[in-house]
Amino acid sequence: MSQQTELGTALRALRTAARLTAGTVARRASMSAGKLSKIETGKVRPSVTDVDLILTAVGVSEEAKGKFLEAARAEATEATAWRVLRRMGPWKHQQAIRAIESQTATLRLSLGLSRAQQARRSS
């Protein structure tokens, strides 16, 4: 189960524990019921603001809210990192490495050997 799905499932559990309908929470959070449903089922990654609005609408404690918002921030950061990596593409990174390797006369690898082992190896 992805973090996105876990967060959505937890938000749904909080809503149902508070005995609130999706429509009520959606209105209180100023979002459509469809968007709330997609967040709860993990089809849409919620923004930190979305999570904050949903938690406020459900009425959770500030302590619980802090933990959920921390998880939402971590997920948003990870999603951004993956998006940047996809945009850059691994092939661009490989091209940069190839360019460096083509200009390198000697390639020295560090194998994590002790100084004594390195000395024996070089002689």
C-alpha atoms as a PDB file:
ATOM      1  CA  MET A   1       0.000   0.000   0.000  1.00  0.00           C
ATOM      2  CA  SER A   2       1.454   3.376  -0.988  1.00  0.00           C
ATOM      3  CA  GLN A   3       1.814   6.303   1.388  1.00  0.00           C
ATOM      4  CA  GLN A   4      -0.789   8.139  -0.682  1.00  0.00           C
ATOM      5  CA  THR A   5      -3.311   5.335  -0.154  1.00  0.00           C
ATOM      6  CA  GLU A   6      -2.436   4.987   3.538  1.00  0.00           C
ATOM      7  CA  LEU A   7      -2.960   8.704   4.134  1.00  0.00           C
ATOM      8  CA  GLY A   8      -6.303   8.620   2.320  1.00  0.00           C
ATOM      9  CA  THR A   9      -7.432   5.557   4.261  1.00  0.00           C
ATOM     10  CA  ALA A  10      -6.474   7.229   7.549  1.00  0.00           C
ATOM     11  CA  LEU A  11      -8.372  10.390   6.613  1.00  0.00           C
ATOM     12  CA  ARG A  12     -11.446   8.320   5.770  1.00  0.00           C
ATOM     13  CA  ALA A  13     -11.149   6.463   9.094  1.00  0.00           C
ATOM     14  CA  LEU A  14     -11.033   9.768  10.960  1.00  0.00           C
ATOM     15  CA  ARG A  15     -14.084  11.019   9.070  1.00  0.00           C
ATOM     16  CA  THR A  16     -16.099   7.885   9.771  1.00  0.00           C
ATOM     17  CA  ALA A  17     -14.980   7.848  13.431  1.00  0.00           C
ATOM     18  CA  ALA A  18     -16.289  11.412  13.703  1.00  0.00           C
ATOM     19  CA  ARG A  19     -19.563  10.137  12.155  1.00  0.00           C
ATOM     20  CA  LEU A  20     -19.456  12.703   9.384  1.00  0.00           C
ATOM     21  CA  THR A  21     -20.525  12.163   5.802  1.00  0.00           C
ATOM     22  CA  ALA A  22     -18.164  12.828   2.931  1.00  0.00           C
ATOM     23  CA  GLY A  23     -20.452  15.628   1.766  1.00  0.00           C
ATOM     24  CA  THR A  24     -20.317  17.366   5.138  1.00  0.00           C
ATOM     25  CA  VAL A  25     -16.520  17.162   5.384  1.00  0.00           C
ATOM     26  CA  ALA A  26     -16.134  18.264   1.768  1.00  0.00           C
ATOM     27  CA  ARG A  27     -18.314  21.349   2.351  1.00  0.00           C
ATOM     28  CA  ARG A  28     -16.445  22.227   5.550  1.00  0.00           C
ATOM     29  CA  ALA A  29     -13.102  21.760   3.750  1.00  0.00           C
ATOM     30  CA  SER A  30     -14.227  23.833   0.743  1.00  0.00           C
ATOM     31  CA  MET A  31     -13.726  21.032  -1.765  1.00  0.00           C
ATOM     32  CA  SER A  32     -15.942  18.832  -3.853  1.00  0.00           C
ATOM     33  CA  ALA A  33     -17.146  15.497  -2.527  1.00  0.00           C
ATOM     34  CA  GLY A  34     -15.541  13.904  -5.582  1.00  0.00           C
ATOM     35  CA  LYS A  35     -12.127  15.306  -4.700  1.00  0.00           C
ATOM     36  CA  LEU A  36     -12.490  14.122  -1.107  1.00  0.00           C
ATOM     37  CA  SER A  37     -13.440  10.662  -2.359  1.00  0.00           C
ATOM     38  CA  LYS A  38     -10.398  10.529  -4.644  1.00  0.00           C
ATOM     39  CA  ILE A  39      -8.142  11.587  -1.767  1.00  0.00           C
ATOM     40  CA  GLU A  40      -9.637   8.965   0.556  1.00  0.00           C
ATOM     41  CA  THR A  41      -9.256   6.189  -2.025  1.00  0.00           C
ATOM     42  CA  GLY A  42      -5.688   7.196  -2.901  1.00  0.00           C
ATOM     43  CA  LYS A  43      -6.467   8.165  -6.495  1.00  0.00           C
ATOM     44  CA  VAL A  44      -5.315  11.751  -5.911  1.00  0.00           C
ATOM     45  CA  ARG A  45      -2.358  12.905  -3.831  1.00  0.00           C
ATOM     46  CA  PRO A  46      -3.622  15.570  -1.432  1.00  0.00           C
ATOM     47  CA  SER A  47      -1.699  18.756  -0.907  1.00  0.00           C
ATOM     48  CA  VAL A  48      -0.660  19.688   2.610  1.00  0.00           C
ATOM     49  CA  THR A  49      -3.380  22.352   2.514  1.00  0.00           C
ATOM     50  CA  ASP A  50      -5.998  19.741   1.526  1.00  0.00           C
ATOM     51  CA  VAL A  51      -4.988  17.544   4.472  1.00  0.00           C
ATOM     52  CA  ASP A  52      -5.105  20.532   6.827  1.00  0.00           C
ATOM     53  CA  LEU A  53      -8.590  21.503   5.607  1.00  0.00           C
ATOM     54  CA  ILE A  54      -9.898  17.939   5.938  1.00  0.00           C
ATOM     55  CA  LEU A  55      -8.471  17.529   9.448  1.00  0.00           C
ATOM     56  CA  THR A  56      -9.940  20.857  10.510  1.00  0.00           C
ATOM     57  CA  ALA A  57     -13.314  19.843   9.041  1.00  0.00           C
ATOM     58  CA  VAL A  58     -13.226  16.539  10.944  1.00  0.00           C
ATOM     59  CA  GLY A  59     -12.162  18.305  14.151  1.00  0.00           C
ATOM     60  CA  VAL A  60      -9.040  16.367  15.138  1.00  0.00           C
ATOM     61  CA  SER A  61      -6.730  17.533  17.910  1.00  0.00           C
ATOM     62  CA  GLU A  62      -3.781  19.774  17.136  1.00  0.00           C
ATOM     63  CA  GLU A  63      -1.379  16.982  18.141  1.00  0.00           C
ATOM     64  CA  ALA A  64      -2.911  14.500  15.695  1.00  0.00           C
ATOM     65  CA  LYS A  65      -3.129  17.212  13.069  1.00  0.00           C
ATOM     66  CA  GLY A  66       0.609  17.858  13.421  1.00  0.00           C
ATOM     67  CA  LYS A  67       1.442  14.199  12.804  1.00  0.00           C
ATOM     68  CA  PHE A  68      -0.795  13.988   9.739  1.00  0.00           C
ATOM     69  CA  LEU A  69       0.588  17.218   8.304  1.00  0.00           C
ATOM     70  CA  GLU A  70       4.146  15.968   8.834  1.00  0.00           C
ATOM     71  CA  ALA A  71       3.296  12.804   6.875  1.00  0.00           C
ATOM     72  CA  ALA A  72       1.632  14.871   4.139  1.00  0.00           C
ATOM     73  CA  ARG A  73       4.697  17.120   3.849  1.00  0.00           C
ATOM     74  CA  ALA A  74       7.014  14.106   3.610  1.00  0.00           C
ATOM     75  CA  GLU A  75       4.843  12.568   0.912  1.00  0.00           C
ATOM     76  CA  ALA A  76       4.699  15.832  -1.040  1.00  0.00           C
ATOM     77  CA  THR A  77       8.489  16.177  -0.843  1.00  0.00           C
ATOM     78  CA  GLU A  78       8.994  12.624  -2.089  1.00  0.00           C
ATOM     79  CA  ALA A  79       6.503  13.109  -4.902  1.00  0.00           C
ATOM     80  CA  THR A  80       8.278  16.295  -5.977  1.00  0.00           C
ATOM     81  CA  ALA A  81      11.639  14.523  -5.973  1.00  0.00           C
ATOM     82  CA  TRP A  82      10.298  11.722  -8.185  1.00  0.00           C
ATOM     83  CA  ARG A  83       8.680  14.255 -10.529  1.00  0.00           C
ATOM     84  CA  VAL A  84      11.984  16.096 -10.909  1.00  0.00           C
ATOM     85  CA  LEU A  85      13.842  12.838 -11.482  1.00  0.00           C
ATOM     86  CA  ARG A  86      11.352  11.794 -14.179  1.00  0.00           C
ATOM     87  CA  ARG A  87      11.623  15.205 -15.821  1.00  0.00           C
ATOM     88  CA  MET A  88      15.414  15.047 -15.827  1.00  0.00           C
ATOM     89  CA  GLY A  89      15.364  11.479 -17.024  1.00  0.00           C
ATOM     90  CA  PRO A  90      18.036   8.940 -16.159  1.00  0.00           C
ATOM     91  CA  TRP A  91      19.373   9.122 -19.718  1.00  0.00           C
ATOM     92  CA  LYS A  92      20.515  12.725 -19.145  1.00  0.00           C
ATOM     93  CA  HIS A  93      22.439  11.631 -16.070  1.00  0.00           C
ATOM     94  CA  GLN A  94      23.976   8.755 -18.019  1.00  0.00           C
ATOM     95  CA  GLN A  95      25.020  11.161 -20.792  1.00  0.00           C
ATOM     96  CA  ALA A  96      26.766  13.378 -18.256  1.00  0.00           C
ATOM     97  CA  ILE A  97      28.619  10.384 -16.820  1.00  0.00           C
ATOM     98  CA  ARG A  98      29.634   9.237 -20.330  1.00  0.00           C
ATOM     99  CA  ALA A  99      31.032  12.694 -21.095  1.00  0.00           C
ATOM    100  CA  ILE A 100      33.131  12.654 -17.926  1.00  0.00           C
ATOM    101  CA  GLU A 101      34.337   9.102 -18.596  1.00  0.00           C
ATOM    102  CA  SER A 102      35.345   9.967 -22.161  1.00  0.00           C
ATOM    103  CA  GLN A 103      37.659  12.694 -20.848  1.00  0.00           C
ATOM    104  CA  THR A 104      39.125  10.525 -18.086  1.00  0.00           C
ATOM    105  CA  ALA A 105      42.547   8.984 -18.673  1.00  0.00           C
ATOM    106  CA  THR A 106      42.678   6.980 -15.433  1.00  0.00           C
ATOM    107  CA  LEU A 107      39.704   5.754 -13.487  1.00  0.00           C
ATOM    108  CA  ARG A 108      40.417   5.065  -9.828  1.00  0.00           C
ATOM    109  CA  LEU A 109      37.936   3.014  -7.854  1.00  0.00           C
ATOM    110  CA  SER A 110      37.674   3.083  -4.101  1.00  0.00           C
ATOM    111  CA  LEU A 111      36.932  -0.362  -2.743  1.00  0.00           C
ATOM    112  CA  GLY A 112      37.060   0.577   0.898  1.00  0.00           C
ATOM    113  CA  LEU A 113      40.387  -1.192   1.460  1.00  0.00           C
ATOM    114  CA  SER A 114      42.615  -0.507   4.439  1.00  0.00           C
ATOM    115  CA  ARG A 115      45.811   1.479   3.887  1.00  0.00           C
ATOM    116  CA  ALA A 116      47.872  -1.700   4.157  1.00  0.00           C
ATOM    117  CA  GLN A 117      45.758  -3.426   1.539  1.00  0.00           C
ATOM    118  CA  GLN A 118      45.974  -0.380  -0.722  1.00  0.00           C
ATOM    119  CA  ALA A 119      49.769  -0.280  -0.354  1.00  0.00           C
ATOM    120  CA  ARG A 120      50.071  -3.985  -1.279  1.00  0.00           C
ATOM    121  CA  ARG A 121      47.765  -3.447  -4.202  1.00  0.00           C
ATOM    122  CA  SER A 122      49.740  -0.512  -5.613  1.00  0.00           C
ATOM    123  CA  SER A 123      53.108  -2.293  -5.405  1.00  0.00           C
END
